[in-house]
Amino acid sequence: MTIRIPHFPTTANGRFTALRRTALGLLAALSLAAAAAAANPQLPGQGVTVQPLKSSIAEETFQTLLVMKALQQLGYDVKPIREVEYATSHLAIGNGDATFLATHWEPLHDNYYANSGGDARLWRDNTYSGNAIQGYLVDKKTADAHGIDNLGQLADPAIARLFDVDGDGKADLTGCTPGWGCEAQIEAQLTAYKLRGTVTHVTGNYSALIADVIQRYRDGQPVLYFTWTPYWVSSVLVPGKDVVWLQVPFSAQAGDLAGQDTTLPNGRNYGSIINNQRILANRAFVDANPAARKLFSVMKLPVGDITAQNNAMNNGENSERDIERHTDGWIKAHQTLFDGWLDAARAAAR
């Protein structure tokens, strides 16, 4: 049985009129899950279609493929990944027009979660990869020479000019692609720390922007940028060796996170709450598919493994075939663990 997943059109107000028409089809398909599990306990997902989503971040393919391959082993008909940005993917999953996103950041994406139906339509009761941090970094050479250790110091025009790329006298901060969520955090903090007059938030395609940062660093120029872990950037510009994390003057978050303390357990404050990456899924799907629900609950992927795979991509192993090989290699190296996930999922369906 196949559910038709149409192209994802976006209206001006961000709603999905065309997508909602497929919701009834998805709900009808979910009713087959219990019967499929009874028919073949090894393949509890037989007859059920799954539509995975991911953002434009290529490095999220590995995490997504790992979930897809596990679902396939359980008999689910897993369709190719559809690529949409986070706000769109949350709405599509909440509306029943897609099934899961393997890289929902909590609490960074809390607004998207709430705006897409919250617990009534979505499920995220797991931690796929934990302890992700985000924040601002500068090259160590410039930081040491000028005693820079806090983002608030960029309010000083003389300090800000050190990171001026386009000649306007303001620091150029390489930030996030619009729609990722972190760009809203940066915007809120530039206002809170009164940096509007001295800092420009440079947005766009993050991969292209960070490539420029790395080249400028290699050319001996000062750099100022925002990044996160797990991601390959910190394997190229190594914190403590090539670059340093900047603390912030005080905690300042955007939207529903406003007022939350971002101080880490070690007492340092990089301006971001520690995030967990969760598997986000359609609530009706997990309620009708105990095998998939259990699978999503037990899957865990270490941050270091994600970083290593992402770094391999940065080193040129970035084709679809390469990422497929990386995923298969991870499964083979962790076969007992992987099989244990499947066993737990099958047991939940009985």
C-alpha atoms as a PDB file:
ATOM      1  CA  MET A   1       0.000   0.000   0.000  1.00  0.00           C
ATOM      2  CA  THR A   2       1.341   3.406  -0.955  1.00  0.00           C
ATOM      3  CA  ILE A   3       0.496   6.869   0.362  1.00  0.00           C
ATOM      4  CA  ARG A   4       0.938   9.608  -2.190  1.00  0.00           C
ATOM      5  CA  ILE A   5       3.200  12.334  -0.821  1.00  0.00           C
ATOM      6  CA  PRO A   6       2.902  15.391  -3.092  1.00  0.00           C
ATOM      7  CA  HIS A   7       5.368  18.216  -3.665  1.00  0.00           C
ATOM      8  CA  PHE A   8       5.531  20.458  -0.605  1.00  0.00           C
ATOM      9  CA  PRO A   9       4.028  23.827  -1.621  1.00  0.00           C
ATOM     10  CA  THR A  10       4.234  26.638   0.938  1.00  0.00           C
ATOM     11  CA  THR A  11       1.634  29.397   1.129  1.00  0.00           C
ATOM     12  CA  ALA A  12       2.390  32.918   2.302  1.00  0.00           C
ATOM     13  CA  ASN A  13       1.223  32.134   5.813  1.00  0.00           C
ATOM     14  CA  GLY A  14       3.186  28.875   5.950  1.00  0.00           C
ATOM     15  CA  ARG A  15       0.181  26.566   5.955  1.00  0.00           C
ATOM     16  CA  PHE A  16      -0.135  23.412   3.911  1.00  0.00           C
ATOM     17  CA  THR A  17      -3.511  23.257   2.236  1.00  0.00           C
ATOM     18  CA  ALA A  18      -2.508  20.756  -0.434  1.00  0.00           C
ATOM     19  CA  LEU A  19      -0.613  18.521   1.970  1.00  0.00           C
ATOM     20  CA  ARG A  20      -3.523  18.112   4.357  1.00  0.00           C
ATOM     21  CA  ARG A  21      -5.501  16.302   1.704  1.00  0.00           C
ATOM     22  CA  THR A  22      -3.259  13.271   2.134  1.00  0.00           C
ATOM     23  CA  ALA A  23      -3.816  13.012   5.893  1.00  0.00           C
ATOM     24  CA  LEU A  24      -6.877  10.770   5.539  1.00  0.00           C
ATOM     25  CA  GLY A  25      -4.884   8.434   3.334  1.00  0.00           C
ATOM     26  CA  LEU A  26      -2.148   8.181   5.942  1.00  0.00           C
ATOM     27  CA  LEU A  27      -4.606   7.483   8.747  1.00  0.00           C
ATOM     28  CA  ALA A  28      -6.219   4.748   6.698  1.00  0.00           C
ATOM     29  CA  ALA A  29      -2.804   3.195   6.085  1.00  0.00           C
ATOM     30  CA  LEU A  30      -1.982   3.205   9.777  1.00  0.00           C
ATOM     31  CA  SER A  31      -4.912   0.912  10.505  1.00  0.00           C
ATOM     32  CA  LEU A  32      -3.083  -1.866   8.631  1.00  0.00           C
ATOM     33  CA  ALA A  33      -0.108  -1.861  11.015  1.00  0.00           C
ATOM     34  CA  ALA A  34      -1.544  -4.180  13.670  1.00  0.00           C
ATOM     35  CA  ALA A  35      -2.669  -6.705  11.083  1.00  0.00           C
ATOM     36  CA  ALA A  36       0.765  -6.639   9.438  1.00  0.00           C
ATOM     37  CA  ALA A  37       2.508  -7.297  12.739  1.00  0.00           C
ATOM     38  CA  ALA A  38       0.289 -10.296  13.414  1.00  0.00           C
ATOM     39  CA  ALA A  39       0.849 -11.678   9.916  1.00  0.00           C
ATOM     40  CA  ASN A  40       4.640 -11.687  10.186  1.00  0.00           C
ATOM     41  CA  PRO A  41       6.192 -10.910  13.582  1.00  0.00           C
ATOM     42  CA  GLN A  42       9.597 -10.399  11.955  1.00  0.00           C
ATOM     43  CA  LEU A  43       8.157  -7.694   9.676  1.00  0.00           C
ATOM     44  CA  PRO A  44       5.657  -5.752  11.796  1.00  0.00           C
ATOM     45  CA  GLY A  45       5.805  -2.785   9.424  1.00  0.00           C
ATOM     46  CA  GLN A  46       4.828  -4.728   6.326  1.00  0.00           C
ATOM     47  CA  GLY A  47       2.299  -2.818   4.227  1.00  0.00           C
ATOM     48  CA  VAL A  48       2.975   0.554   5.878  1.00  0.00           C
ATOM     49  CA  THR A  49       4.628   3.417   4.000  1.00  0.00           C
ATOM     50  CA  VAL A  50       7.100   5.755   5.717  1.00  0.00           C
ATOM     51  CA  GLN A  51       8.156   9.169   4.389  1.00  0.00           C
ATOM     52  CA  PRO A  52      11.386  10.515   5.961  1.00  0.00           C
ATOM     53  CA  LEU A  53      12.308  14.199   5.880  1.00  0.00           C
ATOM     54  CA  LYS A  54      15.553  16.092   6.464  1.00  0.00           C
ATOM     55  CA  SER A  55      16.778  19.669   6.222  1.00  0.00           C
ATOM     56  CA  SER A  56      19.177  21.024   3.611  1.00  0.00           C
ATOM     57  CA  ILE A  57      22.120  20.079   5.863  1.00  0.00           C
ATOM     58  CA  ALA A  58      23.785  17.256   3.942  1.00  0.00           C
ATOM     59  CA  GLU A  59      25.487  16.026   7.097  1.00  0.00           C
ATOM     60  CA  GLU A  60      22.112  14.990   8.519  1.00  0.00           C
ATOM     61  CA  THR A  61      21.744  12.275   5.884  1.00  0.00           C
ATOM     62  CA  PHE A  62      23.748   9.750   7.928  1.00  0.00           C
ATOM     63  CA  GLN A  63      21.454   9.935  10.956  1.00  0.00           C
ATOM     64  CA  THR A  64      18.387   9.751   8.725  1.00  0.00           C
ATOM     65  CA  LEU A  65      19.630   6.778   6.709  1.00  0.00           C
ATOM     66  CA  LEU A  66      20.360   4.811   9.870  1.00  0.00           C
ATOM     67  CA  VAL A  67      16.737   5.139  10.981  1.00  0.00           C
ATOM     68  CA  MET A  68      15.515   4.310   7.472  1.00  0.00           C
ATOM     69  CA  LYS A  69      17.582   1.130   7.281  1.00  0.00           C
ATOM     70  CA  ALA A  70      16.279  -0.048  10.646  1.00  0.00           C
ATOM     71  CA  LEU A  71      12.683   0.588   9.556  1.00  0.00           C
ATOM     72  CA  GLN A  72      13.300  -1.349   6.338  1.00  0.00           C
ATOM     73  CA  GLN A  73      14.496  -4.332   8.357  1.00  0.00           C
ATOM     74  CA  LEU A  74      11.150  -4.217  10.155  1.00  0.00           C
ATOM     75  CA  GLY A  75       9.289  -4.424   6.847  1.00  0.00           C
ATOM     76  CA  TYR A  76       8.274  -0.790   6.407  1.00  0.00           C
ATOM     77  CA  ASP A  77       8.104   0.601   2.876  1.00  0.00           C
ATOM     78  CA  VAL A  78      10.502   3.522   3.331  1.00  0.00           C
ATOM     79  CA  LYS A  79      10.405   6.141   0.618  1.00  0.00           C
ATOM     80  CA  PRO A  80      13.411   8.278  -0.418  1.00  0.00           C
ATOM     81  CA  ILE A  81      14.226  11.267   1.763  1.00  0.00           C
ATOM     82  CA  ARG A  82      12.381  14.493   1.021  1.00  0.00           C
ATOM     83  CA  GLU A  83      14.430  17.614   1.769  1.00  0.00           C
ATOM     84  CA  VAL A  84      12.616  20.529   3.424  1.00  0.00           C
ATOM     85  CA  GLU A  85      13.633  23.005   6.116  1.00  0.00           C
ATOM     86  CA  TYR A  86      12.715  22.516   9.756  1.00  0.00           C
ATOM     87  CA  ALA A  87       9.582  24.656  10.050  1.00  0.00           C
ATOM     88  CA  THR A  88       8.091  23.008   6.977  1.00  0.00           C
ATOM     89  CA  SER A  89       9.021  19.500   8.071  1.00  0.00           C
ATOM     90  CA  HIS A  90       7.429  19.942  11.505  1.00  0.00           C
ATOM     91  CA  LEU A  91       4.159  21.066   9.922  1.00  0.00           C
ATOM     92  CA  ALA A  92       4.205  18.264   7.347  1.00  0.00           C
ATOM     93  CA  ILE A  93       4.787  15.595  10.004  1.00  0.00           C
ATOM     94  CA  GLY A  94       2.158  17.102  12.299  1.00  0.00           C
ATOM     95  CA  ASN A  95      -0.357  17.108   9.446  1.00  0.00           C
ATOM     96  CA  GLY A  96       0.352  13.465   8.599  1.00  0.00           C
ATOM     97  CA  ASP A  97       1.937  14.216   5.232  1.00  0.00           C
ATOM     98  CA  ALA A  98       5.310  12.770   6.275  1.00  0.00           C
ATOM     99  CA  THR A  99       6.424  10.353   8.962  1.00  0.00           C
ATOM    100  CA  PHE A 100       9.631  11.352  10.718  1.00  0.00           C
ATOM    101  CA  LEU A 101      12.589  13.715  10.994  1.00  0.00           C
ATOM    102  CA  ALA A 102      15.715  12.244  12.599  1.00  0.00           C
ATOM    103  CA  THR A 103      17.206  15.610  13.621  1.00  0.00           C
ATOM    104  CA  HIS A 104      14.682  17.530  15.682  1.00  0.00           C
ATOM    105  CA  TRP A 105      16.641  19.758  18.069  1.00  0.00           C
ATOM    106  CA  GLU A 106      15.079  20.185  21.495  1.00  0.00           C
ATOM    107  CA  PRO A 107      14.735  22.869  22.833  1.00  0.00           C
ATOM    108  CA  LEU A 108      15.926  24.827  19.743  1.00  0.00           C
ATOM    109  CA  HIS A 109      12.933  23.666  17.705  1.00  0.00           C
ATOM    110  CA  ASP A 110      10.367  23.956  20.499  1.00  0.00           C
ATOM    111  CA  ASN A 111       8.539  26.766  18.686  1.00  0.00           C
ATOM    112  CA  TYR A 112       8.223  24.644  15.550  1.00  0.00           C
ATOM    113  CA  TYR A 113       6.948  21.761  17.669  1.00  0.00           C
ATOM    114  CA  ALA A 114       4.294  23.862  19.394  1.00  0.00           C
ATOM    115  CA  ASN A 115       3.203  25.570  16.169  1.00  0.00           C
ATOM    116  CA  SER A 116       2.754  22.204  14.423  1.00  0.00           C
ATOM    117  CA  GLY A 117       0.339  20.715  16.927  1.00  0.00           C
ATOM    118  CA  GLY A 118       2.565  19.821  19.870  1.00  0.00           C
ATOM    119  CA  ASP A 119       2.031  16.529  21.659  1.00  0.00           C
ATOM    120  CA  ALA A 120      -1.382  16.040  20.106  1.00  0.00           C
ATOM    121  CA  ARG A 121       0.091  15.617  16.610  1.00  0.00           C
ATOM    122  CA  LEU A 122       3.799  14.995  17.171  1.00  0.00           C
ATOM    123  CA  TRP A 123       5.996  12.580  19.125  1.00  0.00           C
ATOM    124  CA  ARG A 124       9.596  13.079  20.330  1.00  0.00           C
ATOM    125  CA  ASP A 125       9.935  10.932  23.447  1.00  0.00           C
ATOM    126  CA  ASN A 126      13.499   9.816  22.833  1.00  0.00           C
ATOM    127  CA  THR A 127      17.085  11.075  22.706  1.00  0.00           C
ATOM    128  CA  TYR A 128      18.742   9.964  19.476  1.00  0.00           C
ATOM    129  CA  SER A 129      21.892  12.026  20.064  1.00  0.00           C
ATOM    130  CA  GLY A 130      22.486  14.105  23.182  1.00  0.00           C
ATOM    131  CA  ASN A 131      24.582  16.947  24.578  1.00  0.00           C
ATOM    132  CA  ALA A 132      24.797  19.137  21.491  1.00  0.00           C
ATOM    133  CA  ILE A 133      26.171  22.630  22.069  1.00  0.00           C
ATOM    134  CA  GLN A 134      26.100  25.774  19.942  1.00  0.00           C
ATOM    135  CA  GLY A 135      27.833  29.093  20.124  1.00  0.00           C
ATOM    136  CA  TYR A 136      30.241  31.727  18.828  1.00  0.00           C
ATOM    137  CA  LEU A 137      33.928  31.243  18.071  1.00  0.00           C
ATOM    138  CA  VAL A 138      36.866  33.401  16.978  1.00  0.00           C
ATOM    139  CA  ASP A 139      40.343  32.449  15.874  1.00  0.00           C
ATOM    140  CA  LYS A 140      42.691  31.897  18.812  1.00  0.00           C
ATOM    141  CA  LYS A 141      45.409  34.160  17.408  1.00  0.00           C
ATOM    142  CA  THR A 142      43.168  37.229  17.448  1.00  0.00           C
ATOM    143  CA  ALA A 143      41.560  36.264  20.750  1.00  0.00           C
ATOM    144  CA  ASP A 144      44.933  35.934  22.485  1.00  0.00           C
ATOM    145  CA  ALA A 145      46.345  39.120  20.971  1.00  0.00           C
ATOM    146  CA  HIS A 146      43.390  41.275  22.054  1.00  0.00           C
ATOM    147  CA  GLY A 147      42.119  39.453  25.145  1.00  0.00           C
ATOM    148  CA  ILE A 148      38.800  38.501  23.541  1.00  0.00           C
ATOM    149  CA  ASP A 149      36.773  35.914  25.429  1.00  0.00           C
ATOM    150  CA  ASN A 150      33.229  37.318  25.426  1.00  0.00           C
ATOM    151  CA  LEU A 151      30.823  38.194  22.629  1.00  0.00           C
ATOM    152  CA  GLY A 152      29.904  41.390  24.453  1.00  0.00           C
ATOM    153  CA  GLN A 153      33.359  42.810  23.739  1.00  0.00           C
ATOM    154  CA  LEU A 154      32.249  43.290  20.123  1.00  0.00           C
ATOM    155  CA  ALA A 155      30.285  46.330  21.286  1.00  0.00           C
ATOM    156  CA  ASP A 156      33.664  48.067  21.196  1.00  0.00           C
ATOM    157  CA  PRO A 157      34.050  49.346  17.600  1.00  0.00           C
ATOM    158  CA  ALA A 158      37.819  48.761  17.727  1.00  0.00           C
ATOM    159  CA  ILE A 159      37.306  45.086  18.598  1.00  0.00           C
ATOM    160  CA  ALA A 160      34.508  44.697  16.062  1.00  0.00           C
ATOM    161  CA  ARG A 161      36.662  46.104  13.238  1.00  0.00           C
ATOM    162  CA  LEU A 162      39.100  43.234  13.696  1.00  0.00           C
ATOM    163  CA  PHE A 163      36.448  40.959  12.141  1.00  0.00           C
ATOM    164  CA  ASP A 164      35.335  43.327   9.373  1.00  0.00           C
ATOM    165  CA  VAL A 165      35.288  41.501   6.034  1.00  0.00           C
ATOM    166  CA  ASP A 166      33.423  43.895   3.748  1.00  0.00           C
ATOM    167  CA  GLY A 167      35.032  47.155   4.875  1.00  0.00           C
ATOM    168  CA  ASP A 168      32.017  48.793   6.550  1.00  0.00           C
ATOM    169  CA  GLY A 169      33.709  48.938   9.946  1.00  0.00           C
ATOM    170  CA  LYS A 170      31.414  46.339  11.535  1.00  0.00           C
ATOM    171  CA  ALA A 171      32.249  42.774  12.518  1.00  0.00           C
ATOM    172  CA  ASP A 172      30.922  40.169  10.081  1.00  0.00           C
ATOM    173  CA  LEU A 173      29.498  37.261  12.064  1.00  0.00           C
ATOM    174  CA  THR A 174      28.911  34.135   9.995  1.00  0.00           C
ATOM    175  CA  GLY A 175      25.593  32.856  11.278  1.00  0.00           C
ATOM    176  CA  CYS A 176      22.871  30.401  10.330  1.00  0.00           C
ATOM    177  CA  THR A 177      20.770  29.618   7.306  1.00  0.00           C
ATOM    178  CA  PRO A 178      17.316  31.228   7.712  1.00  0.00           C
ATOM    179  CA  GLY A 179      14.778  28.670   8.891  1.00  0.00           C
ATOM    180  CA  TRP A 180      17.133  26.588  11.006  1.00  0.00           C
ATOM    181  CA  GLY A 181      16.152  28.148  14.335  1.00  0.00           C
ATOM    182  CA  CYS A 182      19.648  29.214  15.392  1.00  0.00           C
ATOM    183  CA  GLU A 183      19.351  32.367  13.263  1.00  0.00           C
ATOM    184  CA  ALA A 184      16.524  33.553  15.543  1.00  0.00           C
ATOM    185  CA  GLN A 185      18.729  32.963  18.584  1.00  0.00           C
ATOM    186  CA  ILE A 186      21.560  35.004  17.063  1.00  0.00           C
ATOM    187  CA  GLU A 187      19.202  37.840  16.153  1.00  0.00           C
ATOM    188  CA  ALA A 188      17.793  37.933  19.691  1.00  0.00           C
ATOM    189  CA  GLN A 189      21.273  38.023  21.197  1.00  0.00           C
ATOM    190  CA  LEU A 190      22.574  40.778  18.931  1.00  0.00           C
ATOM    191  CA  THR A 191      19.730  42.921  20.253  1.00  0.00           C
ATOM    192  CA  ALA A 192      20.075  41.830  23.890  1.00  0.00           C
ATOM    193  CA  TYR A 193      23.834  42.525  23.961  1.00  0.00           C
ATOM    194  CA  LYS A 194      23.437  45.847  22.075  1.00  0.00           C
ATOM    195  CA  LEU A 195      25.621  44.736  19.175  1.00  0.00           C
ATOM    196  CA  ARG A 196      23.476  46.010  16.304  1.00  0.00           C
ATOM    197  CA  GLY A 197      25.726  48.999  15.736  1.00  0.00           C
ATOM    198  CA  THR A 198      28.934  46.995  15.531  1.00  0.00           C
ATOM    199  CA  VAL A 199      28.052  43.488  14.257  1.00  0.00           C
ATOM    200  CA  THR A 200      26.445  42.258  11.031  1.00  0.00           C
ATOM    201  CA  HIS A 201      24.801  38.829  11.071  1.00  0.00           C
ATOM    202  CA  VAL A 202      25.770  37.212   7.761  1.00  0.00           C
ATOM    203  CA  THR A 203      23.165  34.609   6.726  1.00  0.00           C
ATOM    204  CA  GLY A 204      22.748  32.419   3.675  1.00  0.00           C
ATOM    205  CA  ASN A 205      23.911  28.967   2.690  1.00  0.00           C
ATOM    206  CA  TYR A 206      25.864  27.852   5.740  1.00  0.00           C
ATOM    207  CA  SER A 207      28.097  25.419   3.876  1.00  0.00           C
ATOM    208  CA  ALA A 208      29.300  28.160   1.525  1.00  0.00           C
ATOM    209  CA  LEU A 209      29.667  30.695   4.334  1.00  0.00           C
ATOM    210  CA  ILE A 210      31.699  28.388   6.570  1.00  0.00           C
ATOM    211  CA  ALA A 211      33.931  27.401   3.640  1.00  0.00           C
ATOM    212  CA  ASP A 212      34.775  31.087   3.303  1.00  0.00           C
ATOM    213  CA  VAL A 213      35.501  31.295   7.039  1.00  0.00           C
ATOM    214  CA  ILE A 214      37.897  28.357   6.829  1.00  0.00           C
ATOM    215  CA  GLN A 215      39.704  29.843   3.840  1.00  0.00           C
ATOM    216  CA  ARG A 216      40.083  33.194   5.577  1.00  0.00           C
ATOM    217  CA  TYR A 217      41.470  31.419   8.631  1.00  0.00           C
ATOM    218  CA  ARG A 218      43.986  29.571   6.457  1.00  0.00           C
ATOM    219  CA  ASP A 219      44.964  32.896   4.923  1.00  0.00           C
ATOM    220  CA  GLY A 220      45.788  34.202   8.392  1.00  0.00           C
ATOM    221  CA  GLN A 221      42.767  36.486   8.709  1.00  0.00           C
ATOM    222  CA  PRO A 222      40.583  36.853  11.838  1.00  0.00           C
ATOM    223  CA  VAL A 223      37.319  34.887  11.798  1.00  0.00           C
ATOM    224  CA  LEU A 224      34.078  35.123  13.773  1.00  0.00           C
ATOM    225  CA  TYR A 225      31.357  32.503  13.314  1.00  0.00           C
ATOM    226  CA  PHE A 226      28.544  30.491  14.882  1.00  0.00           C
ATOM    227  CA  THR A 227      28.554  26.698  14.851  1.00  0.00           C
ATOM    228  CA  TRP A 228      27.376  23.655  16.762  1.00  0.00           C
ATOM    229  CA  THR A 229      28.268  20.104  17.675  1.00  0.00           C
ATOM    230  CA  PRO A 230      28.054  17.480  16.314  1.00  0.00           C
ATOM    231  CA  TYR A 231      29.356  18.971  13.060  1.00  0.00           C
ATOM    232  CA  TRP A 232      32.571  18.642  11.083  1.00  0.00           C
ATOM    233  CA  VAL A 233      33.621  22.292  11.426  1.00  0.00           C
ATOM    234  CA  SER A 234      35.103  21.688  14.872  1.00  0.00           C
ATOM    235  CA  SER A 235      37.278  18.933  13.414  1.00  0.00           C
ATOM    236  CA  VAL A 236      38.806  21.473  10.999  1.00  0.00           C
ATOM    237  CA  LEU A 237      38.868  24.543  13.233  1.00  0.00           C
ATOM    238  CA  VAL A 238      39.606  22.826  16.517  1.00  0.00           C
ATOM    239  CA  PRO A 239      38.424  24.647  19.668  1.00  0.00           C
ATOM    240  CA  GLY A 240      41.310  25.345  22.015  1.00  0.00           C
ATOM    241  CA  LYS A 241      43.861  24.930  19.225  1.00  0.00           C
ATOM    242  CA  ASP A 242      42.722  26.974  16.243  1.00  0.00           C
ATOM    243  CA  VAL A 243      39.722  28.804  17.667  1.00  0.00           C
ATOM    244  CA  VAL A 244      38.118  29.593  21.028  1.00  0.00           C
ATOM    245  CA  TRP A 245      34.521  29.618  22.215  1.00  0.00           C
ATOM    246  CA  LEU A 246      33.223  33.008  23.308  1.00  0.00           C
ATOM    247  CA  GLN A 247      31.108  33.357  26.392  1.00  0.00           C
ATOM    248  CA  VAL A 248      28.158  35.768  26.416  1.00  0.00           C
ATOM    249  CA  PRO A 249      27.395  38.612  28.833  1.00  0.00           C
ATOM    250  CA  PHE A 250      24.247  36.903  30.136  1.00  0.00           C
ATOM    251  CA  SER A 251      21.591  34.383  29.110  1.00  0.00           C
ATOM    252  CA  ALA A 252      19.324  35.616  26.308  1.00  0.00           C
ATOM    253  CA  GLN A 253      17.111  33.364  24.213  1.00  0.00           C
ATOM    254  CA  ALA A 254      14.426  33.897  21.591  1.00  0.00           C
ATOM    255  CA  GLY A 255      10.721  33.079  21.655  1.00  0.00           C
ATOM    256  CA  ASP A 256       9.456  30.531  24.157  1.00  0.00           C
ATOM    257  CA  LEU A 257      13.007  29.970  25.439  1.00  0.00           C
ATOM    258  CA  ALA A 258      13.306  33.565  26.667  1.00  0.00           C
ATOM    259  CA  GLY A 259      14.313  33.681  30.312  1.00  0.00           C
ATOM    260  CA  GLN A 260      16.007  30.280  30.357  1.00  0.00           C
ATOM    261  CA  ASP A 261      19.498  30.069  31.834  1.00  0.00           C
ATOM    262  CA  THR A 262      22.145  28.976  29.316  1.00  0.00           C
ATOM    263  CA  THR A 263      24.940  28.507  31.850  1.00  0.00           C
ATOM    264  CA  LEU A 264      26.585  25.106  31.402  1.00  0.00           C
ATOM    265  CA  PRO A 265      27.363  22.735  34.302  1.00  0.00           C
ATOM    266  CA  ASN A 266      31.010  23.882  34.169  1.00  0.00           C
ATOM    267  CA  GLY A 267      29.921  27.463  34.839  1.00  0.00           C
ATOM    268  CA  ARG A 268      30.646  28.752  31.347  1.00  0.00           C
ATOM    269  CA  ASN A 269      27.934  30.431  29.291  1.00  0.00           C
ATOM    270  CA  TYR A 270      28.131  30.174  25.502  1.00  0.00           C
ATOM    271  CA  GLY A 271      24.620  31.551  25.014  1.00  0.00           C
ATOM    272  CA  SER A 272      22.906  28.273  24.118  1.00  0.00           C
ATOM    273  CA  ILE A 273      21.035  25.622  26.033  1.00  0.00           C
ATOM    274  CA  ILE A 274      22.414  22.103  25.667  1.00  0.00           C
ATOM    275  CA  ASN A 275      20.260  20.417  23.025  1.00  0.00           C
ATOM    276  CA  ASN A 276      19.238  16.834  22.392  1.00  0.00           C
ATOM    277  CA  GLN A 277      18.606  15.633  18.866  1.00  0.00           C
ATOM    278  CA  ARG A 278      15.411  13.615  18.843  1.00  0.00           C
ATOM    279  CA  ILE A 279      13.544  11.579  16.265  1.00  0.00           C
ATOM    280  CA  LEU A 280      10.395  13.573  15.571  1.00  0.00           C
ATOM    281  CA  ALA A 281       7.453  11.495  14.328  1.00  0.00           C
ATOM    282  CA  ASN A 282       3.788  11.776  13.524  1.00  0.00           C
ATOM    283  CA  ARG A 283       1.791  10.956  16.666  1.00  0.00           C
ATOM    284  CA  ALA A 284      -0.855   8.882  14.862  1.00  0.00           C
ATOM    285  CA  PHE A 285       1.877   6.854  13.157  1.00  0.00           C
ATOM    286  CA  VAL A 286       3.697   5.895  16.375  1.00  0.00           C
ATOM    287  CA  ASP A 287       0.410   5.162  18.147  1.00  0.00           C
ATOM    288  CA  ALA A 288      -0.543   2.737  15.362  1.00  0.00           C
ATOM    289  CA  ASN A 289       2.968   1.305  14.979  1.00  0.00           C
ATOM    290  CA  PRO A 290       4.383   0.118  18.319  1.00  0.00           C
ATOM    291  CA  ALA A 291       7.393  -1.402  16.542  1.00  0.00           C
ATOM    292  CA  ALA A 292       8.435   1.926  15.034  1.00  0.00           C
ATOM    293  CA  ARG A 293       7.703   3.740  18.286  1.00  0.00           C
ATOM    294  CA  LYS A 294       9.956   1.360  20.203  1.00  0.00           C
ATOM    295  CA  LEU A 295      12.667   1.609  17.552  1.00  0.00           C
ATOM    296  CA  PHE A 296      12.647   5.400  17.728  1.00  0.00           C
ATOM    297  CA  SER A 297      12.813   5.166  21.527  1.00  0.00           C
ATOM    298  CA  VAL A 298      15.850   2.888  21.742  1.00  0.00           C
ATOM    299  CA  MET A 299      18.056   4.192  18.914  1.00  0.00           C
ATOM    300  CA  LYS A 300      21.107   6.100  20.216  1.00  0.00           C
ATOM    301  CA  LEU A 301      23.911   7.563  18.131  1.00  0.00           C
ATOM    302  CA  PRO A 302      27.018   9.006  19.856  1.00  0.00           C
ATOM    303  CA  VAL A 303      27.961  12.587  18.994  1.00  0.00           C
ATOM    304  CA  GLY A 304      31.494  11.424  18.198  1.00  0.00           C
ATOM    305  CA  ASP A 305      30.242   8.983  15.564  1.00  0.00           C
ATOM    306  CA  ILE A 306      28.217  11.709  13.855  1.00  0.00           C
ATOM    307  CA  THR A 307      31.194  14.067  13.898  1.00  0.00           C
ATOM    308  CA  ALA A 308      33.496  11.407  12.435  1.00  0.00           C
ATOM    309  CA  GLN A 309      31.093  10.679   9.595  1.00  0.00           C
ATOM    310  CA  ASN A 310      30.564  14.384   8.927  1.00  0.00           C
ATOM    311  CA  ASN A 311      34.321  14.903   8.834  1.00  0.00           C
ATOM    312  CA  ALA A 312      34.657  12.115   6.246  1.00  0.00           C
ATOM    313  CA  MET A 313      32.144  14.019   4.122  1.00  0.00           C
ATOM    314  CA  ASN A 314      34.156  17.205   4.485  1.00  0.00           C
ATOM    315  CA  ASN A 315      37.237  15.287   3.342  1.00  0.00           C
ATOM    316  CA  GLY A 316      35.550  14.412   0.053  1.00  0.00           C
ATOM    317  CA  GLU A 317      33.494  11.315   0.860  1.00  0.00           C
ATOM    318  CA  ASN A 318      30.244  13.166   0.343  1.00  0.00           C
ATOM    319  CA  SER A 319      28.393  11.404  -2.467  1.00  0.00           C
ATOM    320  CA  GLU A 320      25.152   9.513  -1.872  1.00  0.00           C
ATOM    321  CA  ARG A 321      27.076   6.286  -2.345  1.00  0.00           C
ATOM    322  CA  ASP A 322      29.691   7.378   0.206  1.00  0.00           C
ATOM    323  CA  ILE A 323      27.081   8.210   2.843  1.00  0.00           C
ATOM    324  CA  GLU A 324      25.297   4.915   2.173  1.00  0.00           C
ATOM    325  CA  ARG A 325      28.620   3.119   2.671  1.00  0.00           C
ATOM    326  CA  HIS A 326      29.285   5.026   5.905  1.00  0.00           C
ATOM    327  CA  THR A 327      25.874   4.012   7.235  1.00  0.00           C
ATOM    328  CA  ASP A 328      26.287   0.365   6.280  1.00  0.00           C
ATOM    329  CA  GLY A 329      29.764   0.400   7.805  1.00  0.00           C
ATOM    330  CA  TRP A 330      28.434   1.788  11.078  1.00  0.00           C
ATOM    331  CA  ILE A 331      25.768  -0.922  11.199  1.00  0.00           C
ATOM    332  CA  LYS A 332      28.310  -3.669  10.534  1.00  0.00           C
ATOM    333  CA  ALA A 333      30.612  -2.324  13.256  1.00  0.00           C
ATOM    334  CA  HIS A 334      27.685  -2.174  15.701  1.00  0.00           C
ATOM    335  CA  GLN A 335      25.704  -5.177  14.458  1.00  0.00           C
ATOM    336  CA  THR A 336      24.820  -6.537  17.891  1.00  0.00           C
ATOM    337  CA  LEU A 337      23.520  -3.157  19.012  1.00  0.00           C
ATOM    338  CA  PHE A 338      21.586  -2.657  15.774  1.00  0.00           C
ATOM    339  CA  ASP A 339      20.031  -6.119  15.981  1.00  0.00           C
ATOM    340  CA  GLY A 340      19.070  -5.394  19.578  1.00  0.00           C
ATOM    341  CA  TRP A 341      17.104  -2.345  18.448  1.00  0.00           C
ATOM    342  CA  LEU A 342      15.235  -4.509  15.938  1.00  0.00           C
ATOM    343  CA  ASP A 343      14.530  -7.212  18.494  1.00  0.00           C
ATOM    344  CA  ALA A 344      13.090  -4.641  20.911  1.00  0.00           C
ATOM    345  CA  ALA A 345      10.925  -3.199  18.156  1.00  0.00           C
ATOM    346  CA  ARG A 346       9.569  -6.598  17.112  1.00  0.00           C
ATOM    347  CA  ALA A 347       8.820  -7.504  20.716  1.00  0.00           C
ATOM    348  CA  ALA A 348       6.831  -4.286  21.157  1.00  0.00           C
ATOM    349  CA  ALA A 349       4.623  -5.211  18.202  1.00  0.00           C
ATOM    350  CA  ARG A 350       3.609  -8.594  19.578  1.00  0.00           C
END
